[in-house]
Amino acid sequence: RTDLFDFDLPDGLIALRPVHPRDAARLLLVRPGEPDVLADKV
């Protein structure tokens, strides 16, 4: 079912410009099955 892939996103989180420098963007590490599944990086 397509609705299984739905979620709500606040309009304010839609990026209208990229960050500079480009590699300053945030990076979410996603590791299924590991104790720390999520980790915040850049």
All heavy atoms as atom14 arrays in JSON, in Angstrom:
{
  "sequence": "RTDLFDFDLPDGLIALRPVHPRDAARLLLVRPGEPDVLADKV",
  "atom14_mask": [
    [1, 1, 1, 1, 1, 1, 1, 1, 1, 1, 1, 0, 0, 0],
    [1, 1, 1, 1, 1, 1, 1, 0, 0, 0, 0, 0, 0, 0],
    [1, 1, 1, 1, 1, 1, 1, 1, 0, 0, 0, 0, 0, 0],
    [1, 1, 1, 1, 1, 1, 1, 1, 0, 0, 0, 0, 0, 0],
    [1, 1, 1, 1, 1, 1, 1, 1, 1, 1, 1, 0, 0, 0],
    [1, 1, 1, 1, 1, 1, 1, 1, 0, 0, 0, 0, 0, 0],
    [1, 1, 1, 1, 1, 1, 1, 1, 1, 1, 1, 0, 0, 0],
    [1, 1, 1, 1, 1, 1, 1, 1, 0, 0, 0, 0, 0, 0],
    [1, 1, 1, 1, 1, 1, 1, 1, 0, 0, 0, 0, 0, 0],
    [1, 1, 1, 1, 1, 1, 1, 0, 0, 0, 0, 0, 0, 0],
    [1, 1, 1, 1, 1, 1, 1, 1, 0, 0, 0, 0, 0, 0],
    [1, 1, 1, 1, 0, 0, 0, 0, 0, 0, 0, 0, 0, 0],
    [1, 1, 1, 1, 1, 1, 1, 1, 0, 0, 0, 0, 0, 0],
    [1, 1, 1, 1, 1, 1, 1, 1, 0, 0, 0, 0, 0, 0],
    [1, 1, 1, 1, 1, 0, 0, 0, 0, 0, 0, 0, 0, 0],
    [1, 1, 1, 1, 1, 1, 1, 1, 0, 0, 0, 0, 0, 0],
    [1, 1, 1, 1, 1, 1, 1, 1, 1, 1, 1, 0, 0, 0],
    [1, 1, 1, 1, 1, 1, 1, 0, 0, 0, 0, 0, 0, 0],
    [1, 1, 1, 1, 1, 1, 1, 0, 0, 0, 0, 0, 0, 0],
    [1, 1, 1, 1, 1, 1, 1, 1, 1, 1, 0, 0, 0, 0],
    [1, 1, 1, 1, 1, 1, 1, 0, 0, 0, 0, 0, 0, 0],
    [1, 1, 1, 1, 1, 1, 1, 1, 1, 1, 1, 0, 0, 0],
    [1, 1, 1, 1, 1, 1, 1, 1, 0, 0, 0, 0, 0, 0],
    [1, 1, 1, 1, 1, 0, 0, 0, 0, 0, 0, 0, 0, 0],
    [1, 1, 1, 1, 1, 0, 0, 0, 0, 0, 0, 0, 0, 0],
    [1, 1, 1, 1, 1, 1, 1, 1, 1, 1, 1, 0, 0, 0],
    [1, 1, 1, 1, 1, 1, 1, 1, 0, 0, 0, 0, 0, 0],
    [1, 1, 1, 1, 1, 1, 1, 1, 0, 0, 0, 0, 0, 0],
    [1, 1, 1, 1, 1, 1, 1, 1, 0, 0, 0, 0, 0, 0],
    [1, 1, 1, 1, 1, 1, 1, 0, 0, 0, 0, 0, 0, 0],
    [1, 1, 1, 1, 1, 1, 1, 1, 1, 1, 1, 0, 0, 0],
    [1, 1, 1, 1, 1, 1, 1, 0, 0, 0, 0, 0, 0, 0],
    [1, 1, 1, 1, 0, 0, 0, 0, 0, 0, 0, 0, 0, 0],
    [1, 1, 1, 1, 1, 1, 1, 1, 1, 0, 0, 0, 0, 0],
    [1, 1, 1, 1, 1, 1, 1, 0, 0, 0, 0, 0, 0, 0],
    [1, 1, 1, 1, 1, 1, 1, 1, 0, 0, 0, 0, 0, 0],
    [1, 1, 1, 1, 1, 1, 1, 0, 0, 0, 0, 0, 0, 0],
    [1, 1, 1, 1, 1, 1, 1, 1, 0, 0, 0, 0, 0, 0],
    [1, 1, 1, 1, 1, 0, 0, 0, 0, 0, 0, 0, 0, 0],
    [1, 1, 1, 1, 1, 1, 1, 1, 0, 0, 0, 0, 0, 0],
    [1, 1, 1, 1, 1, 1, 1, 1, 1, 0, 0, 0, 0, 0],
    [1, 1, 1, 1, 1, 1, 1, 0, 0, 0, 0, 0, 0, 0]
  ],
  "atom14_positions": [
    [[0.84, -1.19, 0.0], [0.0, 0.0, 0.0], [0.89, 1.26, 0.0], [1.83, 1.38, 0.78], [-0.91, 0.03, 1.22], [-1.94, -1.08, 1.28], [-3.1, -0.71, 2.2], [-2.72, 0.12, 3.32], [-2.34, -0.35, 4.53], [-2.27, -1.66, 4.73], [-2.03, 0.48, 5.51], [0.0, 0.0, 0.0], [0.0, 0.0, 0.0], [0.0, 0.0, 0.0]],
    [[0.54, 2.19, -0.87], [1.32, 3.42, -0.98], [1.3, 4.23, 0.31], [2.29, 4.88, 0.67], [0.77, 4.26, -2.14], [0.78, 3.47, -3.34], [1.6, 5.51, -2.36], [0.0, 0.0, 0.0], [0.0, 0.0, 0.0], [0.0, 0.0, 0.0], [0.0, 0.0, 0.0], [0.0, 0.0, 0.0], [0.0, 0.0, 0.0], [0.0, 0.0, 0.0]],
    [[0.17, 4.19, 1.05], [0.07, 5.02, 2.25], [1.03, 4.56, 3.35], [1.25, 5.3, 4.33], [-1.36, 5.08, 2.76], [-1.93, 3.71, 3.13], [-1.2, 2.71, 3.09], [-3.14, 3.66, 3.47], [0.0, 0.0, 0.0], [0.0, 0.0, 0.0], [0.0, 0.0, 0.0], [0.0, 0.0, 0.0], [0.0, 0.0, 0.0], [0.0, 0.0, 0.0]],
    [[1.63, 3.38, 3.23], [2.62, 2.94, 4.2], [3.89, 3.8, 4.15], [4.69, 3.82, 5.09], [3.01, 1.48, 3.95], [1.92, 0.43, 4.18], [2.39, -0.94, 3.74], [1.5, 0.41, 5.65], [0.0, 0.0, 0.0], [0.0, 0.0, 0.0], [0.0, 0.0, 0.0], [0.0, 0.0, 0.0], [0.0, 0.0, 0.0], [0.0, 0.0, 0.0]],
    [[4.07, 4.52, 3.04], [5.26, 5.33, 2.84], [4.99, 6.82, 3.03], [5.74, 7.67, 2.55], [5.84, 5.07, 1.44], [6.14, 3.62, 1.19], [5.2, 2.78, 0.61], [7.36, 3.08, 1.56], [5.47, 1.44, 0.39], [7.64, 1.74, 1.35], [6.7, 0.92, 0.76], [0.0, 0.0, 0.0], [0.0, 0.0, 0.0], [0.0, 0.0, 0.0]],
    [[3.94, 7.14, 3.76], [3.56, 8.53, 3.99], [4.16, 9.03, 5.29], [4.42, 8.25, 6.22], [2.04, 8.66, 4.04], [1.56, 10.03, 3.61], [2.41, 10.91, 3.35], [0.34, 10.24, 3.54], [0.0, 0.0, 0.0], [0.0, 0.0, 0.0], [0.0, 0.0, 0.0], [0.0, 0.0, 0.0], [0.0, 0.0, 0.0], [0.0, 0.0, 0.0]],
    [[4.43, 10.31, 5.36], [4.84, 10.95, 6.61], [4.59, 12.45, 6.47], [4.44, 12.97, 5.37], [6.31, 10.67, 6.94], [7.29, 11.14, 5.89], [7.82, 12.43, 5.92], [7.72, 10.29, 4.88], [8.72, 12.86, 4.96], [8.63, 10.71, 3.92], [9.13, 12.0, 3.96], [0.0, 0.0, 0.0], [0.0, 0.0, 0.0], [0.0, 0.0, 0.0]],
    [[4.52, 13.13, 7.6], [4.27, 14.58, 7.6], [5.59, 15.32, 7.77], [6.38, 15.02, 8.66], [3.32, 14.96, 8.74], [1.92, 14.41, 8.53], [1.46, 14.39, 7.37], [1.3, 13.98, 9.52], [0.0, 0.0, 0.0], [0.0, 0.0, 0.0], [0.0, 0.0, 0.0], [0.0, 0.0, 0.0], [0.0, 0.0, 0.0], [0.0, 0.0, 0.0]],
    [[5.82, 16.3, 6.9], [7.03, 17.1, 6.97], [6.66, 18.58, 7.09], [5.95, 19.11, 6.23], [7.88, 16.91, 5.71], [9.18, 17.7, 5.69], [10.18, 17.1, 6.67], [9.76, 17.79, 4.29], [0.0, 0.0, 0.0], [0.0, 0.0, 0.0], [0.0, 0.0, 0.0], [0.0, 0.0, 0.0], [0.0, 0.0, 0.0], [0.0, 0.0, 0.0]],
    [[7.12, 19.26, 8.12], [6.88, 20.7, 8.23], [7.51, 21.45, 7.05], [8.64, 21.16, 6.64], [7.56, 21.08, 9.55], [7.65, 19.8, 10.33], [7.84, 18.72, 9.3], [0.0, 0.0, 0.0], [0.0, 0.0, 0.0], [0.0, 0.0, 0.0], [0.0, 0.0, 0.0], [0.0, 0.0, 0.0], [0.0, 0.0, 0.0], [0.0, 0.0, 0.0]],
    [[6.78, 22.41, 6.5], [7.28, 23.17, 5.35], [8.62, 23.84, 5.63], [9.45, 23.99, 4.74], [6.26, 24.23, 4.92], [5.06, 23.63, 4.21], [5.14, 22.45, 3.8], [4.05, 24.33, 4.05], [0.0, 0.0, 0.0], [0.0, 0.0, 0.0], [0.0, 0.0, 0.0], [0.0, 0.0, 0.0], [0.0, 0.0, 0.0], [0.0, 0.0, 0.0]],
    [[8.83, 24.22, 6.89], [10.06, 24.92, 7.24], [11.32, 24.07, 7.12], [12.43, 24.6, 7.18], [0.0, 0.0, 0.0], [0.0, 0.0, 0.0], [0.0, 0.0, 0.0], [0.0, 0.0, 0.0], [0.0, 0.0, 0.0], [0.0, 0.0, 0.0], [0.0, 0.0, 0.0], [0.0, 0.0, 0.0], [0.0, 0.0, 0.0], [0.0, 0.0, 0.0]],
    [[11.17, 22.76, 6.94], [12.34, 21.88, 6.81], [12.7, 21.59, 5.36], [13.62, 20.83, 5.1], [12.09, 20.57, 7.56], [11.91, 20.69, 9.07], [11.82, 19.31, 9.71], [13.03, 21.5, 9.71], [0.0, 0.0, 0.0], [0.0, 0.0, 0.0], [0.0, 0.0, 0.0], [0.0, 0.0, 0.0], [0.0, 0.0, 0.0], [0.0, 0.0, 0.0]],
    [[11.98, 22.19, 4.42], [12.32, 22.05, 3.0], [13.39, 23.08, 2.67], [13.16, 24.29, 2.75], [11.09, 22.24, 2.1], [10.03, 21.19, 2.42], [11.5, 22.16, 0.62], [8.73, 21.39, 1.68], [0.0, 0.0, 0.0], [0.0, 0.0, 0.0], [0.0, 0.0, 0.0], [0.0, 0.0, 0.0], [0.0, 0.0, 0.0], [0.0, 0.0, 0.0]],
    [[14.59, 22.62, 2.33], [15.71, 23.52, 2.07], [15.5, 24.27, 0.75], [15.26, 23.65, -0.28], [17.01, 22.73, 2.02], [0.0, 0.0, 0.0], [0.0, 0.0, 0.0], [0.0, 0.0, 0.0], [0.0, 0.0, 0.0], [0.0, 0.0, 0.0], [0.0, 0.0, 0.0], [0.0, 0.0, 0.0], [0.0, 0.0, 0.0], [0.0, 0.0, 0.0]],
    [[15.6, 25.58, 0.81], [15.49, 26.4, -0.39], [16.85, 26.79, -0.95], [16.95, 27.22, -2.1], [14.67, 27.66, -0.1], [13.24, 27.43, 0.4], [12.51, 28.74, 0.56], [12.48, 26.51, -0.55], [0.0, 0.0, 0.0], [0.0, 0.0, 0.0], [0.0, 0.0, 0.0], [0.0, 0.0, 0.0], [0.0, 0.0, 0.0], [0.0, 0.0, 0.0]],
    [[17.89, 26.65, -0.15], [19.27, 26.88, -0.57], [20.14, 25.83, 0.11], [19.83, 25.38, 1.22], [19.77, 28.27, -0.16], [19.0, 29.43, -0.74], [19.45, 29.75, -2.13], [18.78, 30.95, -2.65], [18.92, 31.4, -3.89], [19.72, 30.76, -4.74], [18.28, 32.48, -4.29], [0.0, 0.0, 0.0], [0.0, 0.0, 0.0], [0.0, 0.0, 0.0]],
    [[21.25, 25.46, -0.5], [22.17, 24.53, 0.18], [23.04, 25.28, 1.18], [23.17, 26.51, 1.11], [23.02, 24.0, -0.98], [23.04, 25.13, -1.96], [21.69, 25.79, -1.86], [0.0, 0.0, 0.0], [0.0, 0.0, 0.0], [0.0, 0.0, 0.0], [0.0, 0.0, 0.0], [0.0, 0.0, 0.0], [0.0, 0.0, 0.0], [0.0, 0.0, 0.0]],
    [[23.65, 24.54, 2.09], [24.64, 25.15, 2.98], [25.95, 25.32, 2.22], [26.21, 24.63, 1.22], [24.87, 24.29, 4.24], [23.59, 24.17, 5.05], [25.41, 22.92, 3.88], [0.0, 0.0, 0.0], [0.0, 0.0, 0.0], [0.0, 0.0, 0.0], [0.0, 0.0, 0.0], [0.0, 0.0, 0.0], [0.0, 0.0, 0.0], [0.0, 0.0, 0.0]],
    [[26.76, 26.23, 2.68], [28.09, 26.43, 2.12], [29.11, 26.43, 3.25], [28.87, 27.07, 4.27], [28.15, 27.73, 1.33], [27.37, 27.7, 0.04], [27.84, 27.06, -1.1], [26.16, 28.21, -0.29], [26.95, 27.19, -2.07], [25.91, 27.88, -1.6], [0.0, 0.0, 0.0], [0.0, 0.0, 0.0], [0.0, 0.0, 0.0], [0.0, 0.0, 0.0]],
    [[30.23, 25.73, 3.11], [30.58, 24.86, 1.98], [29.67, 23.64, 1.94], [29.02, 23.3, 2.93], [32.02, 24.48, 2.27], [32.14, 24.56, 3.75], [31.27, 25.71, 4.15], [0.0, 0.0, 0.0], [0.0, 0.0, 0.0], [0.0, 0.0, 0.0], [0.0, 0.0, 0.0], [0.0, 0.0, 0.0], [0.0, 0.0, 0.0], [0.0, 0.0, 0.0]],
    [[29.66, 22.97, 0.82], [28.72, 21.87, 0.61], [28.92, 20.74, 1.61], [27.96, 20.1, 2.02], [28.88, 21.31, -0.82], [28.53, 22.3, -1.91], [28.6, 21.65, -3.27], [28.36, 22.62, -4.34], [27.97, 22.28, -5.57], [27.8, 21.01, -5.88], [27.78, 23.2, -6.49], [0.0, 0.0, 0.0], [0.0, 0.0, 0.0], [0.0, 0.0, 0.0]],
    [[30.17, 20.5, 2.01], [30.41, 19.38, 2.93], [30.13, 19.73, 4.39], [30.41, 18.95, 5.29], [31.82, 18.82, 2.77], [32.91, 19.86, 3.0], [32.58, 21.0, 3.38], [34.1, 19.53, 2.79], [0.0, 0.0, 0.0], [0.0, 0.0, 0.0], [0.0, 0.0, 0.0], [0.0, 0.0, 0.0], [0.0, 0.0, 0.0], [0.0, 0.0, 0.0]],
    [[29.53, 20.92, 4.61], [29.06, 21.27, 5.95], [27.64, 20.76, 6.2], [27.11, 20.9, 7.31], [29.1, 22.78, 6.16], [0.0, 0.0, 0.0], [0.0, 0.0, 0.0], [0.0, 0.0, 0.0], [0.0, 0.0, 0.0], [0.0, 0.0, 0.0], [0.0, 0.0, 0.0], [0.0, 0.0, 0.0], [0.0, 0.0, 0.0], [0.0, 0.0, 0.0]],
    [[27.03, 20.16, 5.2], [25.68, 19.6, 5.37], [25.7, 18.52, 6.44], [26.71, 17.83, 6.64], [25.18, 19.02, 4.05], [0.0, 0.0, 0.0], [0.0, 0.0, 0.0], [0.0, 0.0, 0.0], [0.0, 0.0, 0.0], [0.0, 0.0, 0.0], [0.0, 0.0, 0.0], [0.0, 0.0, 0.0], [0.0, 0.0, 0.0], [0.0, 0.0, 0.0]],
    [[24.6, 18.36, 7.11], [24.49, 17.32, 8.14], [24.34, 15.95, 7.49], [23.86, 15.83, 6.35], [23.32, 17.63, 9.06], [23.48, 18.95, 9.8], [22.24, 19.34, 10.55], [22.05, 18.5, 11.74], [20.97, 18.57, 12.53], [20.0, 19.42, 12.26], [20.89, 17.79, 13.6], [0.0, 0.0, 0.0], [0.0, 0.0, 0.0], [0.0, 0.0, 0.0]],
    [[24.76, 14.93, 8.22], [24.75, 13.56, 7.71], [24.22, 12.65, 8.8], [24.82, 12.57, 9.89], [26.16, 13.14, 7.3], [26.33, 11.7, 6.81], [25.6, 11.48, 5.49], [27.82, 11.36, 6.65], [0.0, 0.0, 0.0], [0.0, 0.0, 0.0], [0.0, 0.0, 0.0], [0.0, 0.0, 0.0], [0.0, 0.0, 0.0], [0.0, 0.0, 0.0]],
    [[23.11, 11.98, 8.53], [22.53, 11.03, 9.48], [23.01, 9.63, 9.12], [22.75, 9.14, 8.02], [21.0, 11.09, 9.45], [20.28, 10.14, 10.41], [20.67, 10.42, 11.85], [18.76, 10.23, 10.22], [0.0, 0.0, 0.0], [0.0, 0.0, 0.0], [0.0, 0.0, 0.0], [0.0, 0.0, 0.0], [0.0, 0.0, 0.0], [0.0, 0.0, 0.0]],
    [[23.71, 9.01, 10.05], [24.2, 7.65, 9.87], [23.11, 6.68, 10.3], [22.6, 6.76, 11.42], [25.46, 7.44, 10.7], [26.31, 6.2, 10.45], [26.78, 6.13, 9.01], [27.49, 6.19, 11.42], [0.0, 0.0, 0.0], [0.0, 0.0, 0.0], [0.0, 0.0, 0.0], [0.0, 0.0, 0.0], [0.0, 0.0, 0.0], [0.0, 0.0, 0.0]],
    [[22.72, 5.77, 9.39], [21.63, 4.82, 9.65], [22.19, 3.41, 9.51], [22.57, 2.99, 8.41], [20.45, 5.04, 8.68], [19.31, 4.07, 9.0], [19.95, 6.48, 8.74], [0.0, 0.0, 0.0], [0.0, 0.0, 0.0], [0.0, 0.0, 0.0], [0.0, 0.0, 0.0], [0.0, 0.0, 0.0], [0.0, 0.0, 0.0], [0.0, 0.0, 0.0]],
    [[22.24, 2.66, 10.65], [22.84, 1.33, 10.67], [21.86, 0.34, 11.28], [21.87, 0.11, 12.5], [24.14, 1.37, 11.48], [25.19, 2.32, 10.91], [26.27, 2.62, 11.91], [25.74, 3.35, 13.07], [26.5, 3.86, 14.04], [27.81, 3.71, 13.99], [25.95, 4.51, 15.05], [0.0, 0.0, 0.0], [0.0, 0.0, 0.0], [0.0, 0.0, 0.0]],
    [[20.98, -0.24, 10.46], [19.99, -1.2, 10.98], [20.67, -2.36, 11.69], [21.7, -2.87, 11.25], [19.26, -1.67, 9.72], [19.52, -0.61, 8.69], [20.87, -0.06, 9.01], [0.0, 0.0, 0.0], [0.0, 0.0, 0.0], [0.0, 0.0, 0.0], [0.0, 0.0, 0.0], [0.0, 0.0, 0.0], [0.0, 0.0, 0.0], [0.0, 0.0, 0.0]],
    [[20.08, -2.77, 12.8], [20.58, -3.93, 13.52], [21.69, -3.65, 14.49], [22.07, -4.53, 15.28], [0.0, 0.0, 0.0], [0.0, 0.0, 0.0], [0.0, 0.0, 0.0], [0.0, 0.0, 0.0], [0.0, 0.0, 0.0], [0.0, 0.0, 0.0], [0.0, 0.0, 0.0], [0.0, 0.0, 0.0], [0.0, 0.0, 0.0], [0.0, 0.0, 0.0]],
    [[22.27, -2.44, 14.49], [23.32, -2.11, 15.44], [22.71, -1.43, 16.67], [21.63, -0.84, 16.61], [24.36, -1.2, 14.78], [25.09, -1.88, 13.63], [26.32, -1.11, 13.19], [26.8, -0.25, 13.97], [26.79, -1.36, 12.07], [0.0, 0.0, 0.0], [0.0, 0.0, 0.0], [0.0, 0.0, 0.0], [0.0, 0.0, 0.0], [0.0, 0.0, 0.0]],
    [[23.41, -1.5, 17.81], [22.86, -0.91, 19.05], [22.52, 0.57, 18.89], [21.47, 1.03, 19.34], [23.99, -1.13, 20.07], [24.74, -2.32, 19.54], [24.68, -2.22, 18.06], [0.0, 0.0, 0.0], [0.0, 0.0, 0.0], [0.0, 0.0, 0.0], [0.0, 0.0, 0.0], [0.0, 0.0, 0.0], [0.0, 0.0, 0.0], [0.0, 0.0, 0.0]],
    [[23.43, 1.34, 18.26], [23.16, 2.75, 17.97], [22.8, 2.87, 16.5], [23.66, 3.09, 15.64], [24.38, 3.61, 18.3], [24.74, 3.55, 19.78], [23.81, 3.51, 20.59], [25.94, 3.54, 20.09], [0.0, 0.0, 0.0], [0.0, 0.0, 0.0], [0.0, 0.0, 0.0], [0.0, 0.0, 0.0], [0.0, 0.0, 0.0], [0.0, 0.0, 0.0]],
    [[21.51, 2.7, 16.24], [21.06, 2.67, 14.84], [21.31, 4.0, 14.16], [21.75, 4.06, 13.0], [19.57, 2.3, 14.76], [19.07, 2.37, 13.32], [19.33, 0.92, 15.34], [0.0, 0.0, 0.0], [0.0, 0.0, 0.0], [0.0, 0.0, 0.0], [0.0, 0.0, 0.0], [0.0, 0.0, 0.0], [0.0, 0.0, 0.0], [0.0, 0.0, 0.0]],
    [[21.07, 5.11, 14.86], [21.17, 6.44, 14.29], [22.3, 7.22, 14.95], [22.5, 7.13, 16.17], [19.86, 7.21, 14.46], [18.59, 6.52, 13.93], [17.37, 7.37, 14.25], [18.7, 6.25, 12.43], [0.0, 0.0, 0.0], [0.0, 0.0, 0.0], [0.0, 0.0, 0.0], [0.0, 0.0, 0.0], [0.0, 0.0, 0.0], [0.0, 0.0, 0.0]],
    [[23.04, 7.98, 14.16], [24.09, 8.84, 14.69], [24.17, 10.11, 13.84], [24.11, 10.05, 12.61], [25.43, 8.12, 14.69], [0.0, 0.0, 0.0], [0.0, 0.0, 0.0], [0.0, 0.0, 0.0], [0.0, 0.0, 0.0], [0.0, 0.0, 0.0], [0.0, 0.0, 0.0], [0.0, 0.0, 0.0], [0.0, 0.0, 0.0], [0.0, 0.0, 0.0]],
    [[24.31, 11.25, 14.5], [24.36, 12.53, 13.83], [25.8, 12.9, 13.49], [26.65, 12.99, 14.38], [23.72, 13.62, 14.7], [22.26, 13.34, 15.0], [21.49, 13.21, 14.03], [21.89, 13.26, 16.19], [0.0, 0.0, 0.0], [0.0, 0.0, 0.0], [0.0, 0.0, 0.0], [0.0, 0.0, 0.0], [0.0, 0.0, 0.0], [0.0, 0.0, 0.0]],
    [[26.05, 13.14, 12.23], [27.38, 13.51, 11.74], [27.23, 14.7, 10.8], [26.16, 15.29, 10.66], [28.02, 12.34, 10.99], [28.09, 11.03, 11.78], [29.11, 11.07, 12.88], [29.22, 9.74, 13.59], [30.26, 9.77, 14.67], [0.0, 0.0, 0.0], [0.0, 0.0, 0.0], [0.0, 0.0, 0.0], [0.0, 0.0, 0.0], [0.0, 0.0, 0.0]],
    [[28.34, 15.05, 10.13], [28.31, 16.01, 9.03], [29.03, 15.38, 7.85], [29.8, 14.42, 8.01], [28.97, 17.36, 9.4], [28.18, 18.07, 10.48], [30.42, 17.17, 9.81], [0.0, 0.0, 0.0], [0.0, 0.0, 0.0], [0.0, 0.0, 0.0], [0.0, 0.0, 0.0], [0.0, 0.0, 0.0], [0.0, 0.0, 0.0], [0.0, 0.0, 0.0]]
  ]
}
